[in-house]
Amino acid sequence: MELHILYSDRKKLSCSAAKVFFPGAAGAFEVLDGHGAMITPLVAGTIRFESDGQEHSVNISRGFVKIENNVVKATVEALADK
């Protein structure tokens, strides 16, 4: 699936991801290939994702994510790479 993370200073991270973990407002959740469509708020925490066999993570203060047709778009604030 395609993963796009956009954040307040207009930087953008785009890659292909096998799975993504999000800190959702209703609890942490995982997104896999073929996930159903949804839009949900994100809370402070870490977005973790696997791309090209390696795990990556970014810290966020808040945001939201939209999942549709194997495209995952997260718009977040206070992104800091780990």
PDB file of N, CA and C in Angstrom:
ATOM      1  N   MET A   1       0.839  -1.173   0.000  1.00  0.00           N
ATOM      2  CA  MET A   1       0.000   0.000   0.000  1.00  0.00           C
ATOM      3  C   MET A   1       0.884   1.236   0.000  1.00  0.00           C
ATOM      4  N   GLU A   2       0.321   2.349  -0.414  1.00  0.00           N
ATOM      5  CA  GLU A   2       1.048   3.620  -0.414  1.00  0.00           C
ATOM      6  C   GLU A   2       0.854   4.304   0.937  1.00  0.00           C
ATOM      7  N   LEU A   3       1.930   4.844   1.483  1.00  0.00           N
ATOM      8  CA  LEU A   3       1.868   5.597   2.727  1.00  0.00           C
ATOM      9  C   LEU A   3       2.384   7.002   2.471  1.00  0.00           C
ATOM     10  N   HIS A   4       1.605   8.002   2.880  1.00  0.00           N
ATOM     11  CA  HIS A   4       1.991   9.404   2.771  1.00  0.00           C
ATOM     12  C   HIS A   4       1.798  10.045   4.141  1.00  0.00           C
ATOM     13  N   ILE A   5       2.856  10.640   4.677  1.00  0.00           N
ATOM     14  CA  ILE A   5       2.761  11.367   5.939  1.00  0.00           C
ATOM     15  C   ILE A   5       3.102  12.820   5.635  1.00  0.00           C
ATOM     16  N   LEU A   6       2.143  13.701   5.874  1.00  0.00           N
ATOM     17  CA  LEU A   6       2.305  15.136   5.632  1.00  0.00           C
ATOM     18  C   LEU A   6       2.331  15.828   6.982  1.00  0.00           C
ATOM     19  N   TYR A   7       3.185  16.834   7.143  1.00  0.00           N
ATOM     20  CA  TYR A   7       3.193  17.508   8.428  1.00  0.00           C
ATOM     21  C   TYR A   7       3.364  19.006   8.293  1.00  0.00           C
ATOM     22  N   SER A   8       3.211  19.691   9.413  1.00  0.00           N
ATOM     23  CA  SER A   8       3.020  21.137   9.468  1.00  0.00           C
ATOM     24  C   SER A   8       4.073  21.969   8.747  1.00  0.00           C
ATOM     25  N   ASP A   9       5.311  21.547   8.703  1.00  0.00           N
ATOM     26  CA  ASP A   9       6.310  22.366   8.008  1.00  0.00           C
ATOM     27  C   ASP A   9       6.411  22.002   6.531  1.00  0.00           C
ATOM     28  N   ARG A  10       5.349  21.380   6.025  1.00  0.00           N
ATOM     29  CA  ARG A  10       5.176  21.049   4.608  1.00  0.00           C
ATOM     30  C   ARG A  10       6.098  19.952   4.097  1.00  0.00           C
ATOM     31  N   LYS A  11       6.811  19.274   4.993  1.00  0.00           N
ATOM     32  CA  LYS A  11       7.591  18.114   4.576  1.00  0.00           C
ATOM     33  C   LYS A  11       6.639  16.966   4.320  1.00  0.00           C
ATOM     34  N   LYS A  12       7.107  16.024   3.529  1.00  0.00           N
ATOM     35  CA  LYS A  12       6.262  14.881   3.184  1.00  0.00           C
ATOM     36  C   LYS A  12       7.116  13.630   3.122  1.00  0.00           C
ATOM     37  N   LEU A  13       6.607  12.566   3.671  1.00  0.00           N
ATOM     38  CA  LEU A  13       7.242  11.262   3.571  1.00  0.00           C
ATOM     39  C   LEU A  13       6.309  10.396   2.741  1.00  0.00           C
ATOM     40  N   SER A  14       6.803   9.781   1.688  1.00  0.00           N
ATOM     41  CA  SER A  14       5.998   8.890   0.855  1.00  0.00           C
ATOM     42  C   SER A  14       6.784   7.622   0.583  1.00  0.00           C
ATOM     43  N   CYS A  15       6.116   6.470   0.741  1.00  0.00           N
ATOM     44  CA  CYS A  15       6.777   5.200   0.475  1.00  0.00           C
ATOM     45  C   CYS A  15       5.725   4.106   0.326  1.00  0.00           C
ATOM     46  N   SER A  16       6.189   2.950  -0.033  1.00  0.00           N
ATOM     47  CA  SER A  16       5.340   1.763  -0.046  1.00  0.00           C
ATOM     48  C   SER A  16       5.511   1.102   1.321  1.00  0.00           C
ATOM     49  N   ALA A  17       4.421   0.683   1.939  1.00  0.00           N
ATOM     50  CA  ALA A  17       4.504   0.085   3.275  1.00  0.00           C
ATOM     51  C   ALA A  17       3.742  -1.231   3.323  1.00  0.00           C
ATOM     52  N   ALA A  18       4.291  -2.195   4.040  1.00  0.00           N
ATOM     53  CA  ALA A  18       3.639  -3.488   4.219  1.00  0.00           C
ATOM     54  C   ALA A  18       2.604  -3.422   5.338  1.00  0.00           C
ATOM     55  N   LYS A  19       2.915  -2.627   6.385  1.00  0.00           N
ATOM     56  CA  LYS A  19       1.984  -2.442   7.498  1.00  0.00           C
ATOM     57  C   LYS A  19       2.318  -1.140   8.200  1.00  0.00           C
ATOM     58  N   VAL A  20       1.301  -0.559   8.843  1.00  0.00           N
ATOM     59  CA  VAL A  20       1.470   0.706   9.556  1.00  0.00           C
ATOM     60  C   VAL A  20       0.698   0.627  10.872  1.00  0.00           C
ATOM     61  N   PHE A  21       1.316   1.087  11.965  1.00  0.00           N
ATOM     62  CA  PHE A  21       0.665   1.164  13.271  1.00  0.00           C
ATOM     63  C   PHE A  21       0.456   2.634  13.612  1.00  0.00           C
ATOM     64  N   PHE A  22      -0.761   2.961  14.050  1.00  0.00           N
ATOM     65  CA  PHE A  22      -1.103   4.348  14.379  1.00  0.00           C
ATOM     66  C   PHE A  22      -1.571   4.472  15.823  1.00  0.00           C
ATOM     67  N   PRO A  23      -1.287   5.636  16.477  1.00  0.00           N
ATOM     68  CA  PRO A  23      -1.838   5.924  17.801  1.00  0.00           C
ATOM     69  C   PRO A  23      -3.208   6.602  17.639  1.00  0.00           C
ATOM     70  N   GLY A  24      -4.245   5.817  17.516  1.00  0.00           N
ATOM     71  CA  GLY A  24      -5.586   6.352  17.292  1.00  0.00           C
ATOM     72  C   GLY A  24      -6.236   6.874  18.556  1.00  0.00           C
ATOM     73  N   ALA A  25      -7.176   7.794  18.394  1.00  0.00           N
ATOM     74  CA  ALA A  25      -7.893   8.375  19.531  1.00  0.00           C
ATOM     75  C   ALA A  25      -8.672   7.312  20.309  1.00  0.00           C
ATOM     76  N   ALA A  26      -9.122   6.258  19.633  1.00  0.00           N
ATOM     77  CA  ALA A  26      -9.864   5.177  20.290  1.00  0.00           C
ATOM     78  C   ALA A  26      -8.948   4.005  20.637  1.00  0.00           C
ATOM     79  N   GLY A  27      -7.635   4.191  20.494  1.00  0.00           N
ATOM     80  CA  GLY A  27      -6.660   3.141  20.775  1.00  0.00           C
ATOM     81  C   GLY A  27      -5.781   2.894  19.563  1.00  0.00           C
ATOM     82  N   ALA A  28      -4.640   2.285  19.798  1.00  0.00           N
ATOM     83  CA  ALA A  28      -3.695   1.993  18.717  1.00  0.00           C
ATOM     84  C   ALA A  28      -4.307   0.984  17.757  1.00  0.00           C
ATOM     85  N   PHE A  29      -3.953   1.106  16.471  1.00  0.00           N
ATOM     86  CA  PHE A  29      -4.462   0.156  15.482  1.00  0.00           C
ATOM     87  C   PHE A  29      -3.438  -0.048  14.367  1.00  0.00           C
ATOM     88  N   GLU A  30      -3.591  -1.173  13.670  1.00  0.00           N
ATOM     89  CA  GLU A  30      -2.695  -1.558  12.589  1.00  0.00           C
ATOM     90  C   GLU A  30      -3.441  -1.521  11.263  1.00  0.00           C
ATOM     91  N   VAL A  31      -2.763  -1.072  10.217  1.00  0.00           N
ATOM     92  CA  VAL A  31      -3.326  -1.039   8.871  1.00  0.00           C
ATOM     93  C   VAL A  31      -2.491  -1.980   8.007  1.00  0.00           C
ATOM     94  N   LEU A  32      -3.157  -2.903   7.343  1.00  0.00           N
ATOM     95  CA  LEU A  32      -2.512  -3.837   6.424  1.00  0.00           C
ATOM     96  C   LEU A  32      -3.052  -3.619   5.021  1.00  0.00           C
ATOM     97  N   ASP A  33      -2.401  -4.203   4.042  1.00  0.00           N
ATOM     98  CA  ASP A  33      -2.849  -4.139   2.656  1.00  0.00           C
ATOM     99  C   ASP A  33      -4.323  -4.541   2.560  1.00  0.00           C
ATOM    100  N   GLY A  34      -5.115  -3.772   1.840  1.00  0.00           N
ATOM    101  CA  GLY A  34      -6.529  -4.098   1.655  1.00  0.00           C
ATOM    102  C   GLY A  34      -7.442  -3.616   2.770  1.00  0.00           C
ATOM    103  N   HIS A  35      -6.941  -2.809   3.697  1.00  0.00           N
ATOM    104  CA  HIS A  35      -7.736  -2.306   4.825  1.00  0.00           C
ATOM    105  C   HIS A  35      -8.951  -1.536   4.308  1.00  0.00           C
ATOM    106  N   GLY A  36     -10.044  -1.618   5.020  1.00  0.00           N
ATOM    107  CA  GLY A  36     -11.256  -0.890   4.665  1.00  0.00           C
ATOM    108  C   GLY A  36     -11.077   0.613   4.787  1.00  0.00           C
ATOM    109  N   ALA A  37     -11.915   1.354   4.080  1.00  0.00           N
ATOM    110  CA  ALA A  37     -11.845   2.817   4.103  1.00  0.00           C
ATOM    111  C   ALA A  37     -12.243   3.361   5.469  1.00  0.00           C
ATOM    112  N   MET A  38     -11.509   4.397   5.915  1.00  0.00           N
ATOM    113  CA  MET A  38     -11.844   5.057   7.174  1.00  0.00           C
ATOM    114  C   MET A  38     -11.079   6.363   7.301  1.00  0.00           C
ATOM    115  N   ILE A  39     -11.608   7.241   8.143  1.00  0.00           N
ATOM    116  CA  ILE A  39     -10.925   8.468   8.545  1.00  0.00           C
ATOM    117  C   ILE A  39     -11.019   8.510  10.059  1.00  0.00           C
ATOM    118  N   THR A  40      -9.892   8.748  10.743  1.00  0.00           N
ATOM    119  CA  THR A  40      -9.917   8.749  12.189  1.00  0.00           C
ATOM    120  C   THR A  40      -8.846   9.697  12.746  1.00  0.00           C
ATOM    121  N   PRO A  41      -9.114  10.301  13.913  1.00  0.00           N
ATOM    122  CA  PRO A  41      -8.119  11.179  14.530  1.00  0.00           C
ATOM    123  C   PRO A  41      -6.971  10.381  15.157  1.00  0.00           C
ATOM    124  N   LEU A  42      -5.823  11.033  15.239  1.00  0.00           N
ATOM    125  CA  LEU A  42      -4.644  10.447  15.877  1.00  0.00           C
ATOM    126  C   LEU A  42      -4.271  11.286  17.091  1.00  0.00           C
ATOM    127  N   VAL A  43      -3.704  10.629  18.084  1.00  0.00           N
ATOM    128  CA  VAL A  43      -3.268  11.308  19.308  1.00  0.00           C
ATOM    129  C   VAL A  43      -1.745  11.233  19.399  1.00  0.00           C
ATOM    130  N   ALA A  44      -1.182  11.906  20.402  1.00  0.00           N
ATOM    131  CA  ALA A  44       0.264  11.886  20.601  1.00  0.00           C
ATOM    132  C   ALA A  44       0.765  10.452  20.712  1.00  0.00           C
ATOM    133  N   GLY A  45       1.829  10.175  20.005  1.00  0.00           N
ATOM    134  CA  GLY A  45       2.397   8.834  20.031  1.00  0.00           C
ATOM    135  C   GLY A  45       3.336   8.630  18.857  1.00  0.00           C
ATOM    136  N   THR A  46       3.494   7.383  18.453  1.00  0.00           N
ATOM    137  CA  THR A  46       4.436   7.030  17.401  1.00  0.00           C
ATOM    138  C   THR A  46       3.735   6.281  16.274  1.00  0.00           C
ATOM    139  N   ILE A  47       3.957   6.737  15.054  1.00  0.00           N
ATOM    140  CA  ILE A  47       3.529   5.994  13.873  1.00  0.00           C
ATOM    141  C   ILE A  47       4.694   5.073  13.518  1.00  0.00           C
ATOM    142  N   ARG A  48       4.433   3.782  13.432  1.00  0.00           N
ATOM    143  CA  ARG A  48       5.467   2.814  13.053  1.00  0.00           C
ATOM    144  C   ARG A  48       5.044   2.162  11.746  1.00  0.00           C
ATOM    145  N   PHE A  49       5.994   1.965  10.836  1.00  0.00           N
ATOM    146  CA  PHE A  49       5.656   1.322   9.573  1.00  0.00           C
ATOM    147  C   PHE A  49       6.827   0.504   9.052  1.00  0.00           C
ATOM    148  N   GLU A  50       6.491  -0.515   8.268  1.00  0.00           N
ATOM    149  CA  GLU A  50       7.489  -1.377   7.658  1.00  0.00           C
ATOM    150  C   GLU A  50       7.531  -1.086   6.164  1.00  0.00           C
ATOM    151  N   SER A  51       8.727  -0.754   5.678  1.00  0.00           N
ATOM    152  CA  SER A  51       8.929  -0.451   4.266  1.00  0.00           C
ATOM    153  C   SER A  51      10.239  -1.085   3.822  1.00  0.00           C
ATOM    154  N   ASP A  52      10.213  -1.813   2.737  1.00  0.00           N
ATOM    155  CA  ASP A  52      11.408  -2.497   2.207  1.00  0.00           C
ATOM    156  C   ASP A  52      12.090  -3.366   3.259  1.00  0.00           C
ATOM    157  N   GLY A  53      11.290  -4.024   4.087  1.00  0.00           N
ATOM    158  CA  GLY A  53      11.822  -4.936   5.092  1.00  0.00           C
ATOM    159  C   GLY A  53      12.404  -4.269   6.324  1.00  0.00           C
ATOM    160  N   GLN A  54      12.355  -2.950   6.408  1.00  0.00           N
ATOM    161  CA  GLN A  54      12.881  -2.234   7.570  1.00  0.00           C
ATOM    162  C   GLN A  54      11.762  -1.518   8.295  1.00  0.00           C
ATOM    163  N   GLU A  55      11.882  -1.450   9.627  1.00  0.00           N
ATOM    164  CA  GLU A  55      10.885  -0.739  10.417  1.00  0.00           C
ATOM    165  C   GLU A  55      11.343   0.700  10.646  1.00  0.00           C
ATOM    166  N   HIS A  56      10.399   1.626  10.508  1.00  0.00           N
ATOM    167  CA  HIS A  56      10.649   3.051  10.687  1.00  0.00           C
ATOM    168  C   HIS A  56       9.605   3.592  11.655  1.00  0.00           C
ATOM    169  N   SER A  57       9.893   4.747  12.253  1.00  0.00           N
ATOM    170  CA  SER A  57       8.910   5.352  13.151  1.00  0.00           C
ATOM    171  C   SER A  57       9.051   6.863  13.155  1.00  0.00           C
ATOM    172  N   VAL A  58       7.933   7.528  13.428  1.00  0.00           N
ATOM    173  CA  VAL A  58       7.897   8.985  13.573  1.00  0.00           C
ATOM    174  C   VAL A  58       7.006   9.329  14.762  1.00  0.00           C
ATOM    175  N   ASN A  59       7.429  10.317  15.539  1.00  0.00           N
ATOM    176  CA  ASN A  59       6.641  10.771  16.691  1.00  0.00           C
ATOM    177  C   ASN A  59       5.722  11.896  16.253  1.00  0.00           C
ATOM    178  N   ILE A  60       4.503  11.882  16.765  1.00  0.00           N
ATOM    179  CA  ILE A  60       3.536  12.931  16.432  1.00  0.00           C
ATOM    180  C   ILE A  60       2.881  13.453  17.704  1.00  0.00           C
ATOM    181  N   SER A  61       2.323  14.664  17.613  1.00  0.00           N
ATOM    182  CA  SER A  61       1.572  15.198  18.745  1.00  0.00           C
ATOM    183  C   SER A  61       0.075  15.013  18.523  1.00  0.00           C
ATOM    184  N   ARG A  62      -0.359  15.035  17.259  1.00  0.00           N
ATOM    185  CA  ARG A  62      -1.753  14.793  16.922  1.00  0.00           C
ATOM    186  C   ARG A  62      -1.897  14.820  15.402  1.00  0.00           C
ATOM    187  N   GLY A  63      -3.094  14.473  14.928  1.00  0.00           N
ATOM    188  CA  GLY A  63      -3.353  14.512  13.493  1.00  0.00           C
ATOM    189  C   GLY A  63      -4.565  13.680  13.138  1.00  0.00           C
ATOM    190  N   PHE A  64      -4.631  13.266  11.888  1.00  0.00           N
ATOM    191  CA  PHE A  64      -5.684  12.359  11.449  1.00  0.00           C
ATOM    192  C   PHE A  64      -5.162  11.530  10.294  1.00  0.00           C
ATOM    193  N   VAL A  65      -5.818  10.412  10.030  1.00  0.00           N
ATOM    194  CA  VAL A  65      -5.417   9.535   8.941  1.00  0.00           C
ATOM    195  C   VAL A  65      -6.638   9.159   8.111  1.00  0.00           C
ATOM    196  N   LYS A  66      -6.441   9.109   6.812  1.00  0.00           N
ATOM    197  CA  LYS A  66      -7.480   8.684   5.877  1.00  0.00           C
ATOM    198  C   LYS A  66      -6.947   7.467   5.133  1.00  0.00           C
ATOM    199  N   ILE A  67      -7.759   6.409   5.097  1.00  0.00           N
ATOM    200  CA  ILE A  67      -7.387   5.172   4.417  1.00  0.00           C
ATOM    201  C   ILE A  67      -8.440   4.892   3.363  1.00  0.00           C
ATOM    202  N   GLU A  68      -7.992   4.740   2.118  1.00  0.00           N
ATOM    203  CA  GLU A  68      -8.932   4.484   1.035  1.00  0.00           C
ATOM    204  C   GLU A  68      -8.183   3.900  -0.161  1.00  0.00           C
ATOM    205  N   ASN A  69      -8.686   2.791  -0.697  1.00  0.00           N
ATOM    206  CA  ASN A  69      -8.117   2.164  -1.902  1.00  0.00           C
ATOM    207  C   ASN A  69      -6.617   1.907  -1.793  1.00  0.00           C
ATOM    208  N   ASN A  70      -6.184   1.347  -0.660  1.00  0.00           N
ATOM    209  CA  ASN A  70      -4.778   1.012  -0.410  1.00  0.00           C
ATOM    210  C   ASN A  70      -3.841   2.229  -0.399  1.00  0.00           C
ATOM    211  N   VAL A  71      -4.409   3.405  -0.128  1.00  0.00           N
ATOM    212  CA  VAL A  71      -3.618   4.623   0.048  1.00  0.00           C
ATOM    213  C   VAL A  71      -3.883   5.133   1.466  1.00  0.00           C
ATOM    214  N   VAL A  72      -2.810   5.302   2.229  1.00  0.00           N
ATOM    215  CA  VAL A  72      -2.896   5.758   3.612  1.00  0.00           C
ATOM    216  C   VAL A  72      -2.276   7.152   3.669  1.00  0.00           C
ATOM    217  N   LYS A  73      -3.084   8.155   4.035  1.00  0.00           N
ATOM    218  CA  LYS A  73      -2.604   9.538   4.125  1.00  0.00           C
ATOM    219  C   LYS A  73      -2.791  10.033   5.554  1.00  0.00           C
ATOM    220  N   ALA A  74      -1.671  10.348   6.206  1.00  0.00           N
ATOM    221  CA  ALA A  74      -1.709  10.885   7.568  1.00  0.00           C
ATOM    222  C   ALA A  74      -1.240  12.334   7.522  1.00  0.00           C
ATOM    223  N   THR A  75      -2.013  13.218   8.123  1.00  0.00           N
ATOM    224  CA  THR A  75      -1.637  14.619   8.275  1.00  0.00           C
ATOM    225  C   THR A  75      -1.404  14.837   9.757  1.00  0.00           C
ATOM    226  N   VAL A  76      -0.189  15.239  10.124  1.00  0.00           N
ATOM    227  CA  VAL A  76       0.195  15.258  11.538  1.00  0.00           C
ATOM    228  C   VAL A  76       0.915  16.547  11.918  1.00  0.00           C
ATOM    229  N   GLU A  77       1.011  16.797  13.230  1.00  0.00           N
ATOM    230  CA  GLU A  77       1.763  17.906  13.782  1.00  0.00           C
ATOM    231  C   GLU A  77       2.907  17.370  14.638  1.00  0.00           C
ATOM    232  N   ALA A  78       3.970  18.180  14.756  1.00  0.00           N
ATOM    233  CA  ALA A  78       5.115  17.874  15.603  1.00  0.00           C
ATOM    234  C   ALA A  78       5.756  16.543  15.240  1.00  0.00           C
ATOM    235  N   LEU A  79       6.101  16.391  14.002  1.00  0.00           N
ATOM    236  CA  LEU A  79       6.740  15.161  13.528  1.00  0.00           C
ATOM    237  C   LEU A  79       8.217  15.213  13.841  1.00  0.00           C
ATOM    238  N   ALA A  80       8.727  14.146  14.416  1.00  0.00           N
ATOM    239  CA  ALA A  80      10.157  14.029  14.681  1.00  0.00           C
ATOM    240  C   ALA A  80      10.606  12.618  14.317  1.00  0.00           C
ATOM    241  N   ASP A  81      11.526  12.497  13.388  1.00  0.00           N
ATOM    242  CA  ASP A  81      11.988  11.170  12.956  1.00  0.00           C
ATOM    243  C   ASP A  81      12.772  10.492  14.057  1.00  0.00           C
ATOM    244  N   LYS A  82      12.660   9.156  14.089  1.00  0.00           N
ATOM    245  CA  LYS A  82      13.415   8.333  15.030  1.00  0.00           C
ATOM    246  C   LYS A  82      14.370   7.471  14.266  1.00  0.00           C
TER     247      LYS A  82
END
